[in-house]
Amino acid sequence: QGKLTPGANLNFVQGATGIQIAPEFPFTEKRSLGPW
């Protein structure tokens, strides 16, 4: 699981801006909005 072949090209998929995003202290809450 840790061995790589020297000379091999690794192609990584990147996003539109080139960042990966992770949540900090993720949680959920119940929400709803008024009509307007």
PDB file of all heavy atoms in Angstrom:
ATOM      1  N   GLN A   1       0.796  -1.219   0.000  1.00  0.00           N
ATOM      2  CA  GLN A   1       0.000   0.000   0.000  1.00  0.00           C
ATOM      3  C   GLN A   1       0.832   1.275   0.000  1.00  0.00           C
ATOM      4  O   GLN A   1       0.282   2.372  -0.161  1.00  0.00           O
ATOM      5  CB  GLN A   1      -0.930   0.010   1.219  1.00  0.00           C
ATOM      6  CG  GLN A   1      -1.904  -1.140   1.266  1.00  0.00           C
ATOM      7  CD  GLN A   1      -2.961  -1.050   0.180  1.00  0.00           C
ATOM      8  OE1 GLN A   1      -3.826  -0.179   0.218  1.00  0.00           O
ATOM      9  NE2 GLN A   1      -2.900  -1.936  -0.808  1.00  0.00           N
ATOM     10  N   GLY A   2       2.131   1.162   0.180  1.00  0.00           N
ATOM     11  CA  GLY A   2       2.960   2.357   0.228  1.00  0.00           C
ATOM     12  C   GLY A   2       3.982   2.462  -0.878  1.00  0.00           C
ATOM     13  O   GLY A   2       4.645   3.491  -1.030  1.00  0.00           O
ATOM     14  N   LYS A   3       4.133   1.414  -1.702  1.00  0.00           N
ATOM     15  CA  LYS A   3       5.195   1.365  -2.696  1.00  0.00           C
ATOM     16  C   LYS A   3       4.768   2.016  -4.004  1.00  0.00           C
ATOM     17  O   LYS A   3       3.664   1.792  -4.501  1.00  0.00           O
ATOM     18  CB  LYS A   3       5.599  -0.085  -2.942  1.00  0.00           C
ATOM     19  CG  LYS A   3       6.803  -0.241  -3.865  1.00  0.00           C
ATOM     20  CD  LYS A   3       7.162  -1.713  -4.014  1.00  0.00           C
ATOM     21  CE  LYS A   3       8.369  -1.896  -4.939  1.00  0.00           C
ATOM     22  NZ  LYS A   3       8.718  -3.322  -5.107  1.00  0.00           N
ATOM     23  N   LEU A   4       5.650   2.841  -4.570  1.00  0.00           N
ATOM     24  CA  LEU A   4       5.417   3.481  -5.862  1.00  0.00           C
ATOM     25  C   LEU A   4       6.568   3.137  -6.808  1.00  0.00           C
ATOM     26  O   LEU A   4       7.687   2.871  -6.373  1.00  0.00           O
ATOM     27  CB  LEU A   4       5.317   5.007  -5.703  1.00  0.00           C
ATOM     28  CG  LEU A   4       4.166   5.530  -4.839  1.00  0.00           C
ATOM     29  CD1 LEU A   4       4.284   7.034  -4.669  1.00  0.00           C
ATOM     30  CD2 LEU A   4       2.820   5.163  -5.467  1.00  0.00           C
ATOM     31  N   THR A   5       6.290   3.185  -8.098  1.00  0.00           N
ATOM     32  CA  THR A   5       7.290   2.850  -9.113  1.00  0.00           C
ATOM     33  C   THR A   5       7.981   4.121  -9.597  1.00  0.00           C
ATOM     34  O   THR A   5       7.310   5.018 -10.141  1.00  0.00           O
ATOM     35  CB  THR A   5       6.633   2.141 -10.314  1.00  0.00           C
ATOM     36  OG1 THR A   5       5.945   0.981  -9.859  1.00  0.00           O
ATOM     37  CG2 THR A   5       7.682   1.749 -11.346  1.00  0.00           C
ATOM     38  N   PRO A   6       9.284   4.242  -9.413  1.00  0.00           N
ATOM     39  CA  PRO A   6      10.002   5.435  -9.883  1.00  0.00           C
ATOM     40  C   PRO A   6       9.807   5.642 -11.386  1.00  0.00           C
ATOM     41  O   PRO A   6       9.836   4.689 -12.166  1.00  0.00           O
ATOM     42  CB  PRO A   6      11.469   5.127  -9.553  1.00  0.00           C
ATOM     43  CG  PRO A   6      11.398   4.143  -8.424  1.00  0.00           C
ATOM     44  CD  PRO A   6      10.187   3.308  -8.692  1.00  0.00           C
ATOM     45  N   GLY A   7       9.584   6.922 -11.764  1.00  0.00           N
ATOM     46  CA  GLY A   7       9.380   7.250 -13.168  1.00  0.00           C
ATOM     47  C   GLY A   7       7.933   7.247 -13.597  1.00  0.00           C
ATOM     48  O   GLY A   7       7.594   7.765 -14.673  1.00  0.00           O
ATOM     49  N   ALA A   8       7.060   6.658 -12.781  1.00  0.00           N
ATOM     50  CA  ALA A   8       5.640   6.628 -13.130  1.00  0.00           C
ATOM     51  C   ALA A   8       5.022   8.015 -12.950  1.00  0.00           C
ATOM     52  O   ALA A   8       5.405   8.767 -12.056  1.00  0.00           O
ATOM     53  CB  ALA A   8       4.907   5.609 -12.259  1.00  0.00           C
ATOM     54  N   ASN A   9       4.081   8.346 -13.823  1.00  0.00           N
ATOM     55  CA  ASN A   9       3.355   9.612 -13.706  1.00  0.00           C
ATOM     56  C   ASN A   9       2.032   9.377 -12.990  1.00  0.00           C
ATOM     57  O   ASN A   9       1.234   8.526 -13.409  1.00  0.00           O
ATOM     58  CB  ASN A   9       3.089  10.217 -15.086  1.00  0.00           C
ATOM     59  CG  ASN A   9       4.326  10.821 -15.702  1.00  0.00           C
ATOM     60  OD1 ASN A   9       5.210  11.306 -14.989  1.00  0.00           O
ATOM     61  ND2 ASN A   9       4.410  10.792 -17.023  1.00  0.00           N
ATOM     62  N   LEU A  10       1.800  10.132 -11.929  1.00  0.00           N
ATOM     63  CA  LEU A  10       0.548  10.050 -11.182  1.00  0.00           C
ATOM     64  C   LEU A  10      -0.340  11.218 -11.599  1.00  0.00           C
ATOM     65  O   LEU A  10       0.049  12.380 -11.494  1.00  0.00           O
ATOM     66  CB  LEU A  10       0.817  10.107  -9.675  1.00  0.00           C
ATOM     67  CG  LEU A  10       1.830   9.103  -9.121  1.00  0.00           C
ATOM     68  CD1 LEU A  10       1.921   9.238  -7.605  1.00  0.00           C
ATOM     69  CD2 LEU A  10       1.458   7.681  -9.518  1.00  0.00           C
ATOM     70  N   ASN A  11      -1.522  10.919 -12.102  1.00  0.00           N
ATOM     71  CA  ASN A  11      -2.466  11.948 -12.539  1.00  0.00           C
ATOM     72  C   ASN A  11      -3.543  12.140 -11.481  1.00  0.00           C
ATOM     73  O   ASN A  11      -4.335  11.233 -11.216  1.00  0.00           O
ATOM     74  CB  ASN A  11      -3.107  11.550 -13.866  1.00  0.00           C
ATOM     75  CG  ASN A  11      -2.098  11.493 -15.001  1.00  0.00           C
ATOM     76  OD1 ASN A  11      -1.421  12.474 -15.278  1.00  0.00           O
ATOM     77  ND2 ASN A  11      -1.982  10.338 -15.636  1.00  0.00           N
ATOM     78  N   PHE A  12      -3.566  13.323 -10.891  1.00  0.00           N
ATOM     79  CA  PHE A  12      -4.541  13.640  -9.848  1.00  0.00           C
ATOM     80  C   PHE A  12      -5.644  14.531 -10.423  1.00  0.00           C
ATOM     81  O   PHE A  12      -5.358  15.518 -11.104  1.00  0.00           O
ATOM     82  CB  PHE A  12      -3.874  14.375  -8.680  1.00  0.00           C
ATOM     83  CG  PHE A  12      -2.850  13.556  -7.945  1.00  0.00           C
ATOM     84  CD1 PHE A  12      -1.509  13.613  -8.288  1.00  0.00           C
ATOM     85  CD2 PHE A  12      -3.232  12.724  -6.907  1.00  0.00           C
ATOM     86  CE1 PHE A  12      -0.563  12.869  -7.614  1.00  0.00           C
ATOM     87  CE2 PHE A  12      -2.295  11.967  -6.219  1.00  0.00           C
ATOM     88  CZ  PHE A  12      -0.958  12.039  -6.572  1.00  0.00           C
ATOM     89  N   VAL A  13      -6.882  14.166 -10.117  1.00  0.00           N
ATOM     90  CA  VAL A  13      -8.010  15.008 -10.513  1.00  0.00           C
ATOM     91  C   VAL A  13      -8.074  16.200  -9.567  1.00  0.00           C
ATOM     92  O   VAL A  13      -8.009  16.041  -8.351  1.00  0.00           O
ATOM     93  CB  VAL A  13      -9.335  14.217 -10.453  1.00  0.00           C
ATOM     94  CG1 VAL A  13     -10.508  15.119 -10.788  1.00  0.00           C
ATOM     95  CG2 VAL A  13      -9.288  13.030 -11.401  1.00  0.00           C
ATOM     96  N   GLN A  14      -8.174  17.397 -10.130  1.00  0.00           N
ATOM     97  CA  GLN A  14      -8.298  18.576  -9.290  1.00  0.00           C
ATOM     98  C   GLN A  14      -9.553  19.355  -9.655  1.00  0.00           C
ATOM     99  O   GLN A  14     -10.058  19.266 -10.770  1.00  0.00           O
ATOM    100  CB  GLN A  14      -7.067  19.474  -9.412  1.00  0.00           C
ATOM    101  CG  GLN A  14      -6.750  19.942 -10.818  1.00  0.00           C
ATOM    102  CD  GLN A  14      -5.617  20.951 -10.829  1.00  0.00           C
ATOM    103  OE1 GLN A  14      -5.587  21.869 -10.027  1.00  0.00           O
ATOM    104  NE2 GLN A  14      -4.668  20.774 -11.742  1.00  0.00           N
ATOM    105  N   GLY A  15     -10.053  20.110  -8.707  1.00  0.00           N
ATOM    106  CA  GLY A  15     -11.267  20.870  -8.905  1.00  0.00           C
ATOM    107  C   GLY A  15     -11.049  22.131  -9.718  1.00  0.00           C
ATOM    108  O   GLY A  15      -9.938  22.426 -10.164  1.00  0.00           O
ATOM    109  N   ALA A  16     -12.122  22.894  -9.881  1.00  0.00           N
ATOM    110  CA  ALA A  16     -12.093  24.080 -10.733  1.00  0.00           C
ATOM    111  C   ALA A  16     -11.092  25.118 -10.247  1.00  0.00           C
ATOM    112  O   ALA A  16     -10.467  25.814 -11.046  1.00  0.00           O
ATOM    113  CB  ALA A  16     -13.489  24.691 -10.813  1.00  0.00           C
ATOM    114  N   THR A  17     -10.911  25.229  -8.934  1.00  0.00           N
ATOM    115  CA  THR A  17      -9.967  26.214  -8.393  1.00  0.00           C
ATOM    116  C   THR A  17      -8.675  25.571  -7.916  1.00  0.00           C
ATOM    117  O   THR A  17      -7.692  26.265  -7.669  1.00  0.00           O
ATOM    118  CB  THR A  17     -10.586  26.983  -7.212  1.00  0.00           C
ATOM    119  OG1 THR A  17     -10.966  26.048  -6.196  1.00  0.00           O
ATOM    120  CG2 THR A  17     -11.802  27.776  -7.653  1.00  0.00           C
ATOM    121  N   GLY A  18      -8.669  24.243  -7.773  1.00  0.00           N
ATOM    122  CA  GLY A  18      -7.468  23.561  -7.297  1.00  0.00           C
ATOM    123  C   GLY A  18      -7.401  23.426  -5.794  1.00  0.00           C
ATOM    124  O   GLY A  18      -6.318  23.406  -5.223  1.00  0.00           O
ATOM    125  N   ILE A  19      -8.564  23.335  -5.148  1.00  0.00           N
ATOM    126  CA  ILE A  19      -8.580  23.138  -3.702  1.00  0.00           C
ATOM    127  C   ILE A  19      -9.455  21.938  -3.368  1.00  0.00           C
ATOM    128  O   ILE A  19     -10.354  21.573  -4.130  1.00  0.00           O
ATOM    129  CB  ILE A  19      -9.104  24.372  -2.926  1.00  0.00           C
ATOM    130  CG1 ILE A  19     -10.548  24.710  -3.354  1.00  0.00           C
ATOM    131  CG2 ILE A  19      -8.182  25.558  -3.105  1.00  0.00           C
ATOM    132  CD1 ILE A  19     -11.174  25.836  -2.548  1.00  0.00           C
ATOM    133  N   GLN A  20      -9.157  21.324  -2.239  1.00  0.00           N
ATOM    134  CA  GLN A  20     -10.053  20.337  -1.648  1.00  0.00           C
ATOM    135  C   GLN A  20     -10.598  20.946  -0.364  1.00  0.00           C
ATOM    136  O   GLN A  20      -9.857  21.590   0.387  1.00  0.00           O
ATOM    137  CB  GLN A  20      -9.324  19.028  -1.355  1.00  0.00           C
ATOM    138  CG  GLN A  20      -8.987  18.229  -2.603  1.00  0.00           C
ATOM    139  CD  GLN A  20      -8.415  16.859  -2.280  1.00  0.00           C
ATOM    140  OE1 GLN A  20      -8.226  16.503  -1.117  1.00  0.00           O
ATOM    141  NE2 GLN A  20      -8.124  16.081  -3.309  1.00  0.00           N
ATOM    142  N   ILE A  21     -11.895  20.746  -0.141  1.00  0.00           N
ATOM    143  CA  ILE A  21     -12.560  21.380   0.993  1.00  0.00           C
ATOM    144  C   ILE A  21     -13.064  20.314   1.942  1.00  0.00           C
ATOM    145  O   ILE A  21     -13.602  19.287   1.522  1.00  0.00           O
ATOM    146  CB  ILE A  21     -13.747  22.249   0.522  1.00  0.00           C
ATOM    147  CG1 ILE A  21     -13.335  23.120  -0.668  1.00  0.00           C
ATOM    148  CG2 ILE A  21     -14.261  23.137   1.652  1.00  0.00           C
ATOM    149  CD1 ILE A  21     -14.486  23.798  -1.357  1.00  0.00           C
ATOM    150  N   ALA A  22     -12.886  20.549   3.234  1.00  0.00           N
ATOM    151  CA  ALA A  22     -13.358  19.623   4.266  1.00  0.00           C
ATOM    152  C   ALA A  22     -14.155  20.405   5.307  1.00  0.00           C
ATOM    153  O   ALA A  22     -13.893  21.590   5.535  1.00  0.00           O
ATOM    154  CB  ALA A  22     -12.185  18.909   4.930  1.00  0.00           C
ATOM    155  N   PRO A  23     -15.137  19.755   5.943  1.00  0.00           N
ATOM    156  CA  PRO A  23     -15.910  20.463   6.972  1.00  0.00           C
ATOM    157  C   PRO A  23     -15.159  20.537   8.294  1.00  0.00           C
ATOM    158  O   PRO A  23     -14.457  19.595   8.675  1.00  0.00           O
ATOM    159  CB  PRO A  23     -17.171  19.603   7.105  1.00  0.00           C
ATOM    160  CG  PRO A  23     -16.718  18.221   6.732  1.00  0.00           C
ATOM    161  CD  PRO A  23     -15.649  18.399   5.688  1.00  0.00           C
ATOM    162  N   GLU A  24     -15.287  21.648   8.998  1.00  0.00           N
ATOM    163  CA  GLU A  24     -14.729  21.789  10.337  1.00  0.00           C
ATOM    164  C   GLU A  24     -15.871  21.666  11.341  1.00  0.00           C
ATOM    165  O   GLU A  24     -16.817  22.441  11.306  1.00  0.00           O
ATOM    166  CB  GLU A  24     -14.039  23.144  10.496  1.00  0.00           C
ATOM    167  CG  GLU A  24     -13.375  23.313  11.872  1.00  0.00           C
ATOM    168  CD  GLU A  24     -12.744  24.690  12.034  1.00  0.00           C
ATOM    169  OE1 GLU A  24     -13.456  25.678  11.788  1.00  0.00           O
ATOM    170  OE2 GLU A  24     -11.575  24.767  12.409  1.00  0.00           O
ATOM    171  N   PHE A  25     -15.799  20.667  12.210  1.00  0.00           N
ATOM    172  CA  PHE A  25     -16.845  20.417  13.207  1.00  0.00           C
ATOM    173  C   PHE A  25     -18.223  20.316  12.545  1.00  0.00           C
ATOM    174  O   PHE A  25     -19.127  21.113  12.821  1.00  0.00           O
ATOM    175  CB  PHE A  25     -16.857  21.523  14.279  1.00  0.00           C
ATOM    176  CG  PHE A  25     -15.506  21.841  14.844  1.00  0.00           C
ATOM    177  CD1 PHE A  25     -14.995  23.121  14.769  1.00  0.00           C
ATOM    178  CD2 PHE A  25     -14.731  20.857  15.429  1.00  0.00           C
ATOM    179  CE1 PHE A  25     -13.748  23.429  15.281  1.00  0.00           C
ATOM    180  CE2 PHE A  25     -13.482  21.148  15.945  1.00  0.00           C
ATOM    181  CZ  PHE A  25     -12.985  22.438  15.870  1.00  0.00           C
ATOM    182  N   PRO A  26     -18.409  19.361  11.630  1.00  0.00           N
ATOM    183  CA  PRO A  26     -19.688  19.265  10.919  1.00  0.00           C
ATOM    184  C   PRO A  26     -20.829  18.840  11.838  1.00  0.00           C
ATOM    185  O   PRO A  26     -20.653  18.033  12.747  1.00  0.00           O
ATOM    186  CB  PRO A  26     -19.415  18.196   9.855  1.00  0.00           C
ATOM    187  CG  PRO A  26     -18.320  17.357  10.437  1.00  0.00           C
ATOM    188  CD  PRO A  26     -17.465  18.302  11.242  1.00  0.00           C
ATOM    189  N   PHE A  27     -22.010  19.403  11.574  1.00  0.00           N
ATOM    190  CA  PHE A  27     -23.223  19.001  12.277  1.00  0.00           C
ATOM    191  C   PHE A  27     -24.409  19.388  11.410  1.00  0.00           C
ATOM    192  O   PHE A  27     -24.244  19.982  10.337  1.00  0.00           O
ATOM    193  CB  PHE A  27     -23.312  19.673  13.655  1.00  0.00           C
ATOM    194  CG  PHE A  27     -23.424  21.183  13.605  1.00  0.00           C
ATOM    195  CD1 PHE A  27     -24.657  21.804  13.679  1.00  0.00           C
ATOM    196  CD2 PHE A  27     -22.279  21.969  13.497  1.00  0.00           C
ATOM    197  CE1 PHE A  27     -24.756  23.190  13.641  1.00  0.00           C
ATOM    198  CE2 PHE A  27     -22.372  23.351  13.456  1.00  0.00           C
ATOM    199  CZ  PHE A  27     -23.607  23.969  13.526  1.00  0.00           C
ATOM    200  N   THR A  28     -25.590  19.005  11.821  1.00  0.00           N
ATOM    201  CA  THR A  28     -26.797  19.379  11.086  1.00  0.00           C
ATOM    202  C   THR A  28     -27.746  20.106  12.021  1.00  0.00           C
ATOM    203  O   THR A  28     -27.701  19.912  13.238  1.00  0.00           O
ATOM    204  CB  THR A  28     -27.518  18.148  10.502  1.00  0.00           C
ATOM    205  OG1 THR A  28     -27.949  17.302  11.583  1.00  0.00           O
ATOM    206  CG2 THR A  28     -26.609  17.362   9.576  1.00  0.00           C
ATOM    207  N   GLU A  29     -28.593  20.938  11.437  1.00  0.00           N
ATOM    208  CA  GLU A  29     -29.641  21.590  12.211  1.00  0.00           C
ATOM    209  C   GLU A  29     -30.898  21.690  11.357  1.00  0.00           C
ATOM    210  O   GLU A  29     -30.822  21.764  10.124  1.00  0.00           O
ATOM    211  CB  GLU A  29     -29.203  22.960  12.709  1.00  0.00           C
ATOM    212  CG  GLU A  29     -29.031  24.012  11.649  1.00  0.00           C
ATOM    213  CD  GLU A  29     -28.674  25.377  12.249  1.00  0.00           C
ATOM    214  OE1 GLU A  29     -28.049  25.416  13.314  1.00  0.00           O
ATOM    215  OE2 GLU A  29     -29.027  26.392  11.616  1.00  0.00           O
ATOM    216  N   LYS A  30     -32.039  21.687  12.012  1.00  0.00           N
ATOM    217  CA  LYS A  30     -33.303  21.761  11.288  1.00  0.00           C
ATOM    218  C   LYS A  30     -33.597  23.218  10.955  1.00  0.00           C
ATOM    219  O   LYS A  30     -33.560  24.081  11.823  1.00  0.00           O
ATOM    220  CB  LYS A  30     -34.430  21.159  12.126  1.00  0.00           C
ATOM    221  CG  LYS A  30     -35.770  21.089  11.394  1.00  0.00           C
ATOM    222  CD  LYS A  30     -36.743  20.160  12.098  1.00  0.00           C
ATOM    223  CE  LYS A  30     -36.350  18.699  11.873  1.00  0.00           C
ATOM    224  NZ  LYS A  30     -37.391  17.769  12.373  1.00  0.00           N
ATOM    225  N   ARG A  31     -33.899  23.478   9.682  1.00  0.00           N
ATOM    226  CA  ARG A  31     -34.139  24.842   9.236  1.00  0.00           C
ATOM    227  C   ARG A  31     -35.366  24.910   8.334  1.00  0.00           C
ATOM    228  O   ARG A  31     -35.701  23.962   7.636  1.00  0.00           O
ATOM    229  CB  ARG A  31     -32.942  25.397   8.456  1.00  0.00           C
ATOM    230  CG  ARG A  31     -31.756  25.803   9.302  1.00  0.00           C
ATOM    231  CD  ARG A  31     -30.727  26.490   8.432  1.00  0.00           C
ATOM    232  NE  ARG A  31     -29.576  26.927   9.197  1.00  0.00           N
ATOM    233  CZ  ARG A  31     -28.530  27.548   8.669  1.00  0.00           C
ATOM    234  NH1 ARG A  31     -28.508  27.789   7.374  1.00  0.00           N
ATOM    235  NH2 ARG A  31     -27.525  27.917   9.429  1.00  0.00           N
ATOM    236  N   SER A  32     -35.988  26.082   8.337  1.00  0.00           N
ATOM    237  CA  SER A  32     -37.034  26.408   7.372  1.00  0.00           C
ATOM    238  C   SER A  32     -37.121  27.924   7.289  1.00  0.00           C
ATOM    239  O   SER A  32     -36.711  28.633   8.216  1.00  0.00           O
ATOM    240  CB  SER A  32     -38.384  25.815   7.792  1.00  0.00           C
ATOM    241  OG  SER A  32     -38.810  26.379   9.021  1.00  0.00           O
ATOM    242  N   LEU A  33     -37.628  28.428   6.180  1.00  0.00           N
ATOM    243  CA  LEU A  33     -37.746  29.865   5.978  1.00  0.00           C
ATOM    244  C   LEU A  33     -39.207  30.285   5.962  1.00  0.00           C
ATOM    245  O   LEU A  33     -40.103  29.495   5.648  1.00  0.00           O
ATOM    246  CB  LEU A  33     -37.088  30.272   4.657  1.00  0.00           C
ATOM    247  CG  LEU A  33     -35.582  30.029   4.517  1.00  0.00           C
ATOM    248  CD1 LEU A  33     -35.113  30.455   3.130  1.00  0.00           C
ATOM    249  CD2 LEU A  33     -34.801  30.777   5.590  1.00  0.00           C
ATOM    250  N   GLY A  34     -39.451  31.545   6.282  1.00  0.00           N
ATOM    251  CA  GLY A  34     -40.785  32.109   6.158  1.00  0.00           C
ATOM    252  C   GLY A  34     -41.138  32.297   4.694  1.00  0.00           C
ATOM    253  O   GLY A  34     -40.269  32.253   3.818  1.00  0.00           O
ATOM    254  N   PRO A  35     -42.419  32.541   4.384  1.00  0.00           N
ATOM    255  CA  PRO A  35     -42.870  32.617   2.986  1.00  0.00           C
ATOM    256  C   PRO A  35     -42.113  33.626   2.133  1.00  0.00           C
ATOM    257  O   PRO A  35     -41.695  33.304   1.016  1.00  0.00           O
ATOM    258  CB  PRO A  35     -44.352  33.001   3.119  1.00  0.00           C
ATOM    259  CG  PRO A  35     -44.751  32.484   4.466  1.00  0.00           C
ATOM    260  CD  PRO A  35     -43.539  32.641   5.330  1.00  0.00           C
ATOM    261  N   TRP A  36     -41.914  34.852   2.639  1.00  0.00           N
ATOM    262  CA  TRP A  36     -41.270  35.883   1.828  1.00  0.00           C
ATOM    263  C   TRP A  36     -39.794  35.559   1.591  1.00  0.00           C
ATOM    264  O   TRP A  36     -39.297  35.650   0.461  1.00  0.00           O
ATOM    265  CB  TRP A  36     -41.425  37.255   2.478  1.00  0.00           C
ATOM    266  CG  TRP A  36     -40.723  38.356   1.725  1.00  0.00           C
ATOM    267  CD1 TRP A  36     -39.690  39.128   2.143  1.00  0.00           C
ATOM    268  CD2 TRP A  36     -41.024  38.789   0.386  1.00  0.00           C
ATOM    269  NE1 TRP A  36     -39.312  40.016   1.162  1.00  0.00           N
ATOM    270  CE2 TRP A  36     -40.111  39.832   0.067  1.00  0.00           C
ATOM    271  CE3 TRP A  36     -41.955  38.385  -0.574  1.00  0.00           C
ATOM    272  CZ2 TRP A  36     -40.122  40.479  -1.161  1.00  0.00           C
ATOM    273  CZ3 TRP A  36     -41.955  39.037  -1.810  1.00  0.00           C
ATOM    274  CH2 TRP A  36     -41.049  40.061  -2.088  1.00  0.00           C
TER     275      TRP A  36
END
